[in-house]
N, C-alpha and C. Protein backbone atom coordinates (compact mmCIF):
# COMPACT_ATOMS: atom_id res chain seq x y z
N UNK A 1 124.30 87.54 81.23
CA UNK A 1 123.41 88.47 81.92
C UNK A 1 122.90 87.86 83.23
N UNK A 2 122.58 86.54 83.19
CA UNK A 2 122.10 85.89 84.41
C UNK A 2 123.18 85.85 85.48
N UNK A 3 124.42 85.65 85.06
CA UNK A 3 125.52 85.61 86.02
C UNK A 3 125.70 86.98 86.67
N UNK A 4 125.55 88.05 85.89
CA UNK A 4 125.66 89.40 86.44
C UNK A 4 124.55 89.67 87.45
N UNK A 5 123.32 89.25 87.12
CA UNK A 5 122.22 89.42 88.07
C UNK A 5 122.48 88.65 89.35
N UNK A 6 123.01 87.44 89.23
CA UNK A 6 123.30 86.62 90.40
C UNK A 6 124.35 87.28 91.29
N UNK A 7 125.38 87.87 90.67
CA UNK A 7 126.43 88.55 91.43
C UNK A 7 125.87 89.79 92.12
N UNK A 8 125.06 90.56 91.40
CA UNK A 8 124.46 91.76 92.00
C UNK A 8 123.55 91.38 93.15
N UNK A 9 122.75 90.33 92.97
CA UNK A 9 121.85 89.86 94.03
C UNK A 9 122.64 89.46 95.27
N UNK A 10 123.75 88.73 95.07
CA UNK A 10 124.57 88.30 96.19
C UNK A 10 125.18 89.50 96.92
N UNK A 11 125.67 90.49 96.16
CA UNK A 11 126.23 91.69 96.78
C UNK A 11 125.17 92.47 97.55
N UNK A 12 123.99 92.58 96.98
CA UNK A 12 122.92 93.30 97.68
C UNK A 12 122.56 92.61 98.98
N UNK A 13 122.42 91.29 98.95
CA UNK A 13 122.08 90.56 100.17
C UNK A 13 123.18 90.66 101.21
N UNK A 14 124.40 90.69 100.77
CA UNK A 14 125.53 90.75 101.69
C UNK A 14 125.67 92.12 102.33
N UNK A 15 125.62 93.18 101.53
CA UNK A 15 125.91 94.51 102.06
C UNK A 15 124.69 95.25 102.59
N UNK A 16 123.51 94.83 102.21
CA UNK A 16 122.32 95.56 102.64
C UNK A 16 121.53 94.86 103.73
N UNK A 17 122.08 93.81 104.34
CA UNK A 17 121.31 93.12 105.36
C UNK A 17 120.97 93.99 106.56
N UNK A 18 121.82 94.93 107.00
CA UNK A 18 121.38 95.79 108.13
C UNK A 18 120.19 96.66 107.74
N UNK A 19 120.19 97.15 106.51
CA UNK A 19 119.07 97.97 106.04
C UNK A 19 117.80 97.13 105.95
N UNK A 20 117.90 95.89 105.44
CA UNK A 20 116.75 94.99 105.35
C UNK A 20 116.17 94.70 106.72
N UNK A 21 117.06 94.47 107.68
CA UNK A 21 116.63 94.18 109.04
C UNK A 21 115.89 95.38 109.64
N UNK A 22 116.44 96.57 109.45
CA UNK A 22 115.78 97.78 109.97
C UNK A 22 114.44 98.02 109.26
N UNK A 23 114.38 97.76 107.95
CA UNK A 23 113.14 97.93 107.20
C UNK A 23 112.06 97.00 107.73
N UNK A 24 112.42 95.74 107.96
CA UNK A 24 111.44 94.78 108.46
C UNK A 24 111.01 95.11 109.87
N UNK A 25 111.92 95.62 110.70
CA UNK A 25 111.56 96.00 112.05
C UNK A 25 110.60 97.20 112.03
N UNK A 26 110.86 98.16 111.15
CA UNK A 26 110.05 99.37 111.08
C UNK A 26 108.68 99.10 110.43
N UNK A 27 108.64 98.32 109.36
CA UNK A 27 107.41 98.13 108.61
C UNK A 27 106.70 96.82 108.89
N UNK A 28 107.28 95.97 109.70
CA UNK A 28 106.66 94.68 109.97
C UNK A 28 106.91 93.72 108.83
N UNK A 29 106.49 92.50 109.03
CA UNK A 29 106.63 91.47 108.01
C UNK A 29 105.25 90.99 107.62
N UNK A 30 105.19 90.21 106.59
CA UNK A 30 103.92 89.68 106.13
C UNK A 30 103.26 88.88 107.24
N UNK A 31 101.96 89.02 107.36
CA UNK A 31 101.20 88.33 108.39
C UNK A 31 101.16 86.85 108.05
N UNK A 32 101.50 86.01 109.00
CA UNK A 32 101.53 84.56 108.77
C UNK A 32 100.28 83.87 109.28
N UNK A 33 99.40 84.59 109.95
CA UNK A 33 98.19 83.95 110.48
C UNK A 33 97.28 83.50 109.35
N UNK A 34 96.49 82.48 109.64
CA UNK A 34 95.61 81.93 108.63
C UNK A 34 94.40 82.86 108.43
N UNK A 35 94.08 83.11 107.18
CA UNK A 35 92.93 83.95 106.84
C UNK A 35 92.09 83.22 105.82
N UNK A 36 90.82 83.52 105.82
CA UNK A 36 89.95 82.98 104.79
C UNK A 36 89.79 84.05 103.72
N UNK A 37 90.01 83.67 102.49
CA UNK A 37 89.92 84.63 101.40
C UNK A 37 88.66 84.36 100.59
N UNK A 38 88.01 85.43 100.20
CA UNK A 38 86.85 85.37 99.33
C UNK A 38 87.24 85.81 97.94
N UNK A 39 86.51 85.38 96.92
CA UNK A 39 86.80 85.88 95.57
C UNK A 39 86.60 87.39 95.52
N UNK A 40 87.50 88.08 94.81
CA UNK A 40 87.44 89.54 94.75
C UNK A 40 86.11 90.06 94.24
N UNK A 41 85.53 89.43 93.20
CA UNK A 41 84.30 89.97 92.63
C UNK A 41 83.17 89.98 93.65
N UNK A 42 83.06 88.95 94.48
CA UNK A 42 81.99 88.90 95.48
C UNK A 42 82.28 89.85 96.64
N UNK A 43 83.48 89.76 97.20
CA UNK A 43 83.82 90.55 98.37
C UNK A 43 83.86 92.05 98.06
N UNK A 44 84.56 92.42 97.00
CA UNK A 44 84.69 93.85 96.70
C UNK A 44 83.38 94.44 96.20
N UNK A 45 82.50 93.62 95.65
CA UNK A 45 81.16 94.10 95.31
C UNK A 45 80.42 94.52 96.56
N UNK A 46 80.52 93.73 97.63
CA UNK A 46 79.89 94.09 98.91
C UNK A 46 80.53 95.34 99.51
N UNK A 47 81.85 95.42 99.42
CA UNK A 47 82.55 96.62 99.92
C UNK A 47 82.08 97.85 99.16
N UNK A 48 81.95 97.74 97.84
CA UNK A 48 81.48 98.86 97.03
C UNK A 48 80.08 99.30 97.42
N UNK A 49 79.20 98.34 97.73
CA UNK A 49 77.84 98.68 98.15
C UNK A 49 77.86 99.44 99.47
N UNK A 50 78.66 98.98 100.43
CA UNK A 50 78.74 99.66 101.73
C UNK A 50 79.34 101.06 101.59
N UNK A 51 80.33 101.20 100.72
CA UNK A 51 80.91 102.53 100.50
C UNK A 51 79.89 103.46 99.86
N UNK A 52 79.05 102.94 98.98
CA UNK A 52 78.01 103.76 98.34
C UNK A 52 76.99 104.23 99.36
N UNK A 53 76.80 103.45 100.43
CA UNK A 53 75.88 103.84 101.50
C UNK A 53 76.48 104.85 102.46
N UNK A 54 77.79 105.15 102.31
CA UNK A 54 78.44 106.14 103.16
C UNK A 54 79.31 105.56 104.26
N UNK A 55 79.45 104.24 104.31
CA UNK A 55 80.29 103.60 105.32
C UNK A 55 81.75 103.60 104.87
N UNK A 56 82.64 103.27 105.80
CA UNK A 56 84.04 103.05 105.47
C UNK A 56 84.33 101.55 105.58
N UNK A 57 85.44 101.12 105.00
CA UNK A 57 85.81 99.72 105.05
C UNK A 57 87.33 99.59 105.13
N UNK A 58 87.78 98.59 105.88
CA UNK A 58 89.20 98.28 105.95
C UNK A 58 89.37 96.90 105.33
N UNK A 59 90.25 96.80 104.33
CA UNK A 59 90.46 95.53 103.64
C UNK A 59 91.94 95.21 103.57
N UNK A 60 92.26 93.91 103.55
CA UNK A 60 93.61 93.46 103.28
C UNK A 60 93.84 93.58 101.79
N UNK A 61 95.03 93.94 101.38
CA UNK A 61 95.32 94.03 99.96
C UNK A 61 95.85 92.69 99.46
N UNK A 62 95.55 92.40 98.20
CA UNK A 62 96.05 91.20 97.55
C UNK A 62 96.83 91.63 96.32
N UNK A 63 97.94 90.96 96.07
CA UNK A 63 98.72 91.25 94.88
C UNK A 63 99.85 92.22 95.15
N UNK A 64 100.68 92.37 94.13
CA UNK A 64 101.89 93.18 94.25
C UNK A 64 101.88 94.41 93.35
N UNK A 65 100.74 94.75 92.80
CA UNK A 65 100.70 95.85 91.84
C UNK A 65 100.88 97.23 92.46
N UNK A 66 100.77 97.34 93.78
CA UNK A 66 100.94 98.65 94.42
C UNK A 66 102.25 98.75 95.20
N UNK A 67 103.16 97.83 94.94
CA UNK A 67 104.47 97.89 95.55
C UNK A 67 105.20 99.13 95.08
N UNK A 68 105.93 99.84 95.85
CA UNK A 68 106.42 99.61 97.19
C UNK A 68 105.57 100.24 98.28
N UNK A 69 104.48 100.91 97.94
CA UNK A 69 103.69 101.62 98.95
C UNK A 69 102.76 100.69 99.72
N UNK A 70 102.26 99.65 99.09
CA UNK A 70 101.37 98.71 99.74
C UNK A 70 101.88 97.30 99.47
N UNK A 71 102.08 96.52 100.52
CA UNK A 71 102.62 95.16 100.40
C UNK A 71 101.53 94.13 100.65
N UNK A 72 101.50 93.13 99.81
CA UNK A 72 100.58 92.01 99.93
C UNK A 72 100.86 91.23 101.21
N UNK A 73 99.82 90.92 101.97
CA UNK A 73 99.97 90.13 103.19
C UNK A 73 100.40 90.92 104.40
N UNK A 74 100.81 92.15 104.24
CA UNK A 74 101.26 92.96 105.36
C UNK A 74 100.34 94.14 105.61
N UNK A 75 99.90 94.79 104.56
CA UNK A 75 99.18 96.05 104.69
C UNK A 75 97.68 95.89 104.49
N UNK A 76 96.97 96.80 105.13
CA UNK A 76 95.54 96.96 104.91
C UNK A 76 95.32 98.41 104.52
N UNK A 77 94.20 98.67 103.88
CA UNK A 77 93.84 100.04 103.53
C UNK A 77 92.45 100.34 104.02
N UNK A 78 92.25 101.59 104.41
CA UNK A 78 90.93 102.05 104.81
C UNK A 78 90.34 102.81 103.63
N UNK A 79 89.20 102.36 103.17
CA UNK A 79 88.51 102.98 102.04
C UNK A 79 87.35 103.80 102.56
N UNK A 80 87.09 104.91 101.91
CA UNK A 80 85.99 105.77 102.30
C UNK A 80 85.33 106.35 101.05
N UNK A 81 84.09 106.79 101.17
CA UNK A 81 83.46 107.48 100.04
C UNK A 81 84.25 108.76 99.74
N UNK A 82 84.10 109.28 98.53
CA UNK A 82 84.91 110.42 98.11
C UNK A 82 84.03 111.58 97.68
N UNK A 83 84.58 112.78 97.82
CA UNK A 83 83.93 113.99 97.32
C UNK A 83 84.50 114.36 95.96
N UNK A 84 85.82 114.28 95.87
CA UNK A 84 86.49 114.59 94.61
C UNK A 84 87.63 113.61 94.40
N UNK A 85 87.98 113.42 93.15
CA UNK A 85 89.09 112.54 92.77
C UNK A 85 90.16 113.38 92.11
N UNK A 86 91.41 113.14 92.51
CA UNK A 86 92.52 113.88 91.92
C UNK A 86 93.65 112.93 91.59
N UNK A 87 94.51 113.37 90.72
CA UNK A 87 95.67 112.57 90.32
C UNK A 87 96.52 112.30 91.56
N UNK A 88 96.91 111.06 91.73
CA UNK A 88 97.71 110.66 92.89
C UNK A 88 96.91 109.89 93.92
N UNK A 89 95.58 109.93 93.86
CA UNK A 89 94.75 109.19 94.81
C UNK A 89 94.76 107.71 94.47
N UNK A 90 94.83 106.87 95.48
CA UNK A 90 94.66 105.42 95.30
C UNK A 90 93.18 105.13 95.47
N UNK A 91 92.60 104.45 94.49
CA UNK A 91 91.16 104.22 94.50
C UNK A 91 90.85 102.75 94.25
N UNK A 92 89.70 102.32 94.75
CA UNK A 92 89.15 101.01 94.42
C UNK A 92 88.13 101.26 93.33
N UNK A 93 88.36 100.67 92.15
CA UNK A 93 87.49 100.93 91.01
C UNK A 93 87.12 99.62 90.33
N UNK A 94 85.93 99.62 89.75
CA UNK A 94 85.47 98.47 88.97
C UNK A 94 85.76 98.80 87.51
N UNK A 95 86.73 98.09 86.93
CA UNK A 95 87.14 98.41 85.56
C UNK A 95 86.41 97.56 84.53
N UNK A 96 85.76 96.49 84.99
CA UNK A 96 84.92 95.63 84.16
C UNK A 96 83.92 94.99 85.12
N UNK A 97 82.81 94.49 84.62
CA UNK A 97 81.84 93.87 85.54
C UNK A 97 82.50 92.75 86.36
N UNK A 98 82.50 92.93 87.68
CA UNK A 98 83.08 91.95 88.58
C UNK A 98 84.59 91.99 88.70
N UNK A 99 85.26 92.94 88.06
CA UNK A 99 86.72 93.03 88.11
C UNK A 99 87.12 94.36 88.77
N UNK A 100 87.68 94.26 89.97
CA UNK A 100 88.05 95.44 90.74
C UNK A 100 89.57 95.55 90.84
N UNK A 101 90.06 96.78 90.91
CA UNK A 101 91.49 97.03 91.14
C UNK A 101 91.64 98.15 92.17
N UNK A 102 92.71 98.06 92.92
CA UNK A 102 93.10 99.14 93.83
C UNK A 102 94.37 99.72 93.24
N UNK A 103 94.22 100.80 92.47
CA UNK A 103 95.34 101.43 91.79
C UNK A 103 95.28 102.93 91.97
N UNK A 104 96.32 103.59 91.51
CA UNK A 104 96.44 105.04 91.67
C UNK A 104 96.01 105.74 90.38
N UNK A 105 95.36 106.89 90.54
CA UNK A 105 94.96 107.71 89.40
C UNK A 105 96.21 108.41 88.87
N UNK A 106 96.52 108.17 87.60
CA UNK A 106 97.69 108.83 87.01
C UNK A 106 97.30 109.93 86.04
N UNK A 107 96.04 109.92 85.59
CA UNK A 107 95.59 110.96 84.67
C UNK A 107 94.07 111.08 84.76
N UNK A 108 93.59 112.31 84.67
CA UNK A 108 92.15 112.56 84.67
C UNK A 108 91.81 113.47 83.51
N UNK A 109 90.81 113.04 82.74
CA UNK A 109 90.34 113.81 81.59
C UNK A 109 88.82 113.91 81.71
N UNK A 110 88.37 114.93 82.42
CA UNK A 110 86.95 115.07 82.68
C UNK A 110 86.46 113.95 83.59
N UNK A 111 85.55 113.12 83.09
CA UNK A 111 85.03 111.99 83.86
C UNK A 111 85.84 110.71 83.63
N UNK A 112 86.78 110.74 82.71
CA UNK A 112 87.57 109.55 82.36
C UNK A 112 88.86 109.53 83.18
N UNK A 113 89.11 108.39 83.83
CA UNK A 113 90.30 108.23 84.66
C UNK A 113 91.22 107.17 84.07
N UNK A 114 92.52 107.40 84.21
CA UNK A 114 93.51 106.40 83.85
C UNK A 114 94.18 105.96 85.14
N UNK A 115 94.19 104.65 85.39
CA UNK A 115 94.74 104.09 86.62
C UNK A 115 95.96 103.25 86.31
N UNK A 116 96.90 103.23 87.25
CA UNK A 116 98.07 102.36 87.14
C UNK A 116 98.55 102.02 88.53
N UNK A 117 98.91 100.77 88.73
CA UNK A 117 99.48 100.35 90.00
C UNK A 117 100.89 100.88 90.15
N UNK A 118 101.30 101.16 91.38
CA UNK A 118 102.64 101.67 91.62
C UNK A 118 103.70 100.65 91.24
N UNK A 119 103.37 99.36 91.32
CA UNK A 119 104.30 98.31 90.98
C UNK A 119 104.22 97.86 89.54
N UNK A 120 103.39 98.51 88.74
CA UNK A 120 103.27 98.15 87.32
C UNK A 120 104.19 99.03 86.50
N UNK A 121 104.80 98.42 85.51
CA UNK A 121 105.74 99.15 84.66
C UNK A 121 105.02 99.72 83.44
N UNK A 122 104.11 98.96 82.84
CA UNK A 122 103.48 99.38 81.59
C UNK A 122 101.97 99.52 81.66
N UNK A 123 101.28 98.50 82.14
CA UNK A 123 99.83 98.42 82.02
C UNK A 123 99.06 99.52 82.73
N UNK A 124 98.01 99.99 82.08
CA UNK A 124 97.11 100.97 82.67
C UNK A 124 95.67 100.48 82.48
N UNK A 125 94.78 100.98 83.30
CA UNK A 125 93.36 100.69 83.18
C UNK A 125 92.62 102.01 83.02
N UNK A 126 91.46 101.94 82.40
CA UNK A 126 90.63 103.12 82.22
C UNK A 126 89.27 102.86 82.83
N UNK A 127 88.72 103.88 83.43
CA UNK A 127 87.37 103.79 83.98
C UNK A 127 86.79 105.20 84.05
N UNK A 128 85.54 105.28 84.43
CA UNK A 128 84.87 106.56 84.63
C UNK A 128 84.80 106.85 86.12
N UNK A 129 84.57 108.10 86.46
CA UNK A 129 84.48 108.47 87.88
C UNK A 129 83.36 107.70 88.58
N UNK A 130 82.30 107.37 87.86
CA UNK A 130 81.19 106.62 88.44
C UNK A 130 81.55 105.18 88.76
N UNK A 131 82.64 104.66 88.20
CA UNK A 131 83.07 103.29 88.47
C UNK A 131 83.94 103.19 89.72
N UNK A 132 84.32 104.31 90.29
CA UNK A 132 85.15 104.32 91.49
C UNK A 132 84.26 104.06 92.70
N UNK A 133 84.64 103.05 93.49
CA UNK A 133 83.87 102.69 94.68
C UNK A 133 84.28 103.52 95.89
N UNK A 134 85.58 103.74 96.06
CA UNK A 134 86.06 104.48 97.22
C UNK A 134 87.51 104.87 97.03
N UNK A 135 87.96 105.73 97.90
CA UNK A 135 89.33 106.23 97.86
C UNK A 135 90.04 105.82 99.14
N UNK A 136 91.33 105.54 99.04
CA UNK A 136 92.12 105.15 100.21
C UNK A 136 92.38 106.38 101.07
N UNK A 137 92.04 106.27 102.36
CA UNK A 137 92.29 107.38 103.28
C UNK A 137 93.40 107.07 104.27
N UNK A 138 93.67 105.76 104.51
CA UNK A 138 94.71 105.36 105.43
C UNK A 138 95.39 104.09 104.93
N UNK A 139 96.70 104.02 105.15
CA UNK A 139 97.48 102.81 104.89
C UNK A 139 97.81 102.24 106.27
N UNK A 140 97.36 101.03 106.54
CA UNK A 140 97.53 100.43 107.87
C UNK A 140 98.59 99.35 107.79
N UNK A 141 99.70 99.58 108.48
CA UNK A 141 100.80 98.63 108.55
C UNK A 141 100.89 98.11 109.97
N UNK A 142 101.59 97.00 110.18
CA UNK A 142 101.74 96.51 111.55
C UNK A 142 102.43 97.55 112.43
N UNK A 143 101.75 98.00 113.44
CA UNK A 143 102.33 98.95 114.38
C UNK A 143 102.16 100.41 114.05
N UNK A 144 101.65 100.75 112.87
CA UNK A 144 101.46 102.17 112.56
C UNK A 144 100.46 102.36 111.42
N UNK A 145 99.94 103.57 111.37
CA UNK A 145 98.96 103.94 110.34
C UNK A 145 99.44 105.21 109.67
N UNK A 146 99.43 105.21 108.33
CA UNK A 146 99.81 106.39 107.55
C UNK A 146 98.55 106.98 106.93
N UNK A 147 98.33 108.25 107.14
CA UNK A 147 97.22 108.92 106.48
C UNK A 147 97.58 109.17 105.02
N UNK A 148 96.63 109.01 104.13
CA UNK A 148 96.89 109.24 102.71
C UNK A 148 97.20 110.70 102.43
N UNK A 149 96.79 111.59 103.31
CA UNK A 149 97.04 113.02 103.12
C UNK A 149 98.38 113.47 103.71
N UNK A 150 99.17 112.55 104.26
CA UNK A 150 100.46 112.88 104.83
C UNK A 150 101.37 113.51 103.79
N UNK A 151 101.97 114.64 104.10
CA UNK A 151 102.79 115.39 103.14
C UNK A 151 104.01 114.60 102.68
N UNK A 152 104.68 113.88 103.61
CA UNK A 152 105.85 113.10 103.22
C UNK A 152 105.47 111.98 102.26
N UNK A 153 104.35 111.34 102.54
CA UNK A 153 103.88 110.27 101.66
C UNK A 153 103.52 110.82 100.29
N UNK A 154 102.87 111.97 100.25
CA UNK A 154 102.50 112.58 98.97
C UNK A 154 103.74 112.93 98.15
N UNK A 155 104.79 113.41 98.81
CA UNK A 155 106.04 113.72 98.08
C UNK A 155 106.65 112.45 97.50
N UNK A 156 106.64 111.36 98.29
CA UNK A 156 107.19 110.10 97.79
C UNK A 156 106.38 109.56 96.61
N UNK A 157 105.08 109.73 96.66
CA UNK A 157 104.22 109.27 95.55
C UNK A 157 104.51 110.08 94.30
N UNK A 158 104.65 111.40 94.43
CA UNK A 158 104.98 112.24 93.27
C UNK A 158 106.34 111.87 92.70
N UNK A 159 107.33 111.63 93.57
CA UNK A 159 108.66 111.22 93.11
C UNK A 159 108.58 109.88 92.38
N UNK A 160 107.80 108.94 92.91
CA UNK A 160 107.66 107.63 92.28
C UNK A 160 107.04 107.74 90.89
N UNK A 161 106.06 108.62 90.75
CA UNK A 161 105.45 108.84 89.42
C UNK A 161 106.47 109.45 88.46
N UNK A 162 107.30 110.34 88.95
CA UNK A 162 108.31 110.99 88.13
C UNK A 162 109.38 109.99 87.69
N UNK A 163 109.63 108.96 88.51
CA UNK A 163 110.65 107.96 88.21
C UNK A 163 110.12 106.80 87.36
N UNK A 164 108.97 106.97 86.73
CA UNK A 164 108.36 105.89 85.94
C UNK A 164 109.29 105.29 84.88
N UNK A 165 110.13 106.09 84.18
CA UNK A 165 111.00 105.48 83.17
C UNK A 165 111.99 104.45 83.72
N UNK A 166 112.40 104.58 84.98
CA UNK A 166 113.35 103.63 85.55
C UNK A 166 112.71 102.77 86.64
N UNK A 167 111.39 102.75 86.69
CA UNK A 167 110.66 102.02 87.72
C UNK A 167 111.00 100.53 87.71
N UNK A 168 111.18 99.96 86.53
CA UNK A 168 111.49 98.52 86.42
C UNK A 168 112.72 98.17 87.24
N UNK A 169 113.77 98.97 87.16
CA UNK A 169 115.02 98.69 87.86
C UNK A 169 114.88 98.95 89.36
N UNK A 170 114.14 99.99 89.71
CA UNK A 170 113.93 100.28 91.13
C UNK A 170 113.10 99.19 91.80
N UNK A 171 112.10 98.67 91.09
CA UNK A 171 111.29 97.59 91.65
C UNK A 171 112.11 96.32 91.81
N UNK A 172 112.99 96.04 90.86
CA UNK A 172 113.86 94.86 90.98
C UNK A 172 114.76 95.02 92.21
N UNK A 173 115.34 96.19 92.38
CA UNK A 173 116.19 96.46 93.54
C UNK A 173 115.39 96.32 94.83
N UNK A 174 114.18 96.84 94.85
CA UNK A 174 113.32 96.75 96.02
C UNK A 174 113.03 95.30 96.38
N UNK A 175 112.67 94.49 95.37
CA UNK A 175 112.37 93.07 95.62
C UNK A 175 113.58 92.33 96.15
N UNK A 176 114.75 92.70 95.69
CA UNK A 176 115.96 92.03 96.14
C UNK A 176 116.35 92.45 97.55
N UNK A 177 115.96 93.65 97.95
CA UNK A 177 116.38 94.17 99.25
C UNK A 177 115.45 93.78 100.38
N UNK A 178 114.20 93.52 100.10
CA UNK A 178 113.29 93.19 101.21
C UNK A 178 113.22 91.71 101.48
């Protein structure tokens, strides 16, 4: 099995290099500049307080749980207070005291929300609507900004949710291609 993966990886790198090059040119690459990072519980707690006051915030994302829509080290998101929450929204939520996640709402049952990262295959989190600090309104990439309400982006998000049974293989292919 490992030999087969190695052969597939080699073929992908060989035949898809023009696509990889165009992808990196269009979406930028991970930022290499030095940044100071704060612990999530302290920093995102402050962000949550500012969002509760009605302000907006732009933050760098950490982690790979929202791949392929949000990349660690490359993308930032603009968070804003929300009026309503619906399935498909990416939200910053506190799922336990001091533990924050930026994941997408996959199910809503009254005040109870089920969250899952786009790059996660199995795990889900649960929280209440009152635990949500803010909703993503913009995805900021090097050289361009995507509005969360963009119709093309919304179609891709719906397709990605529909492809959940084969997400593991698509994510592996994505990691090998970028």
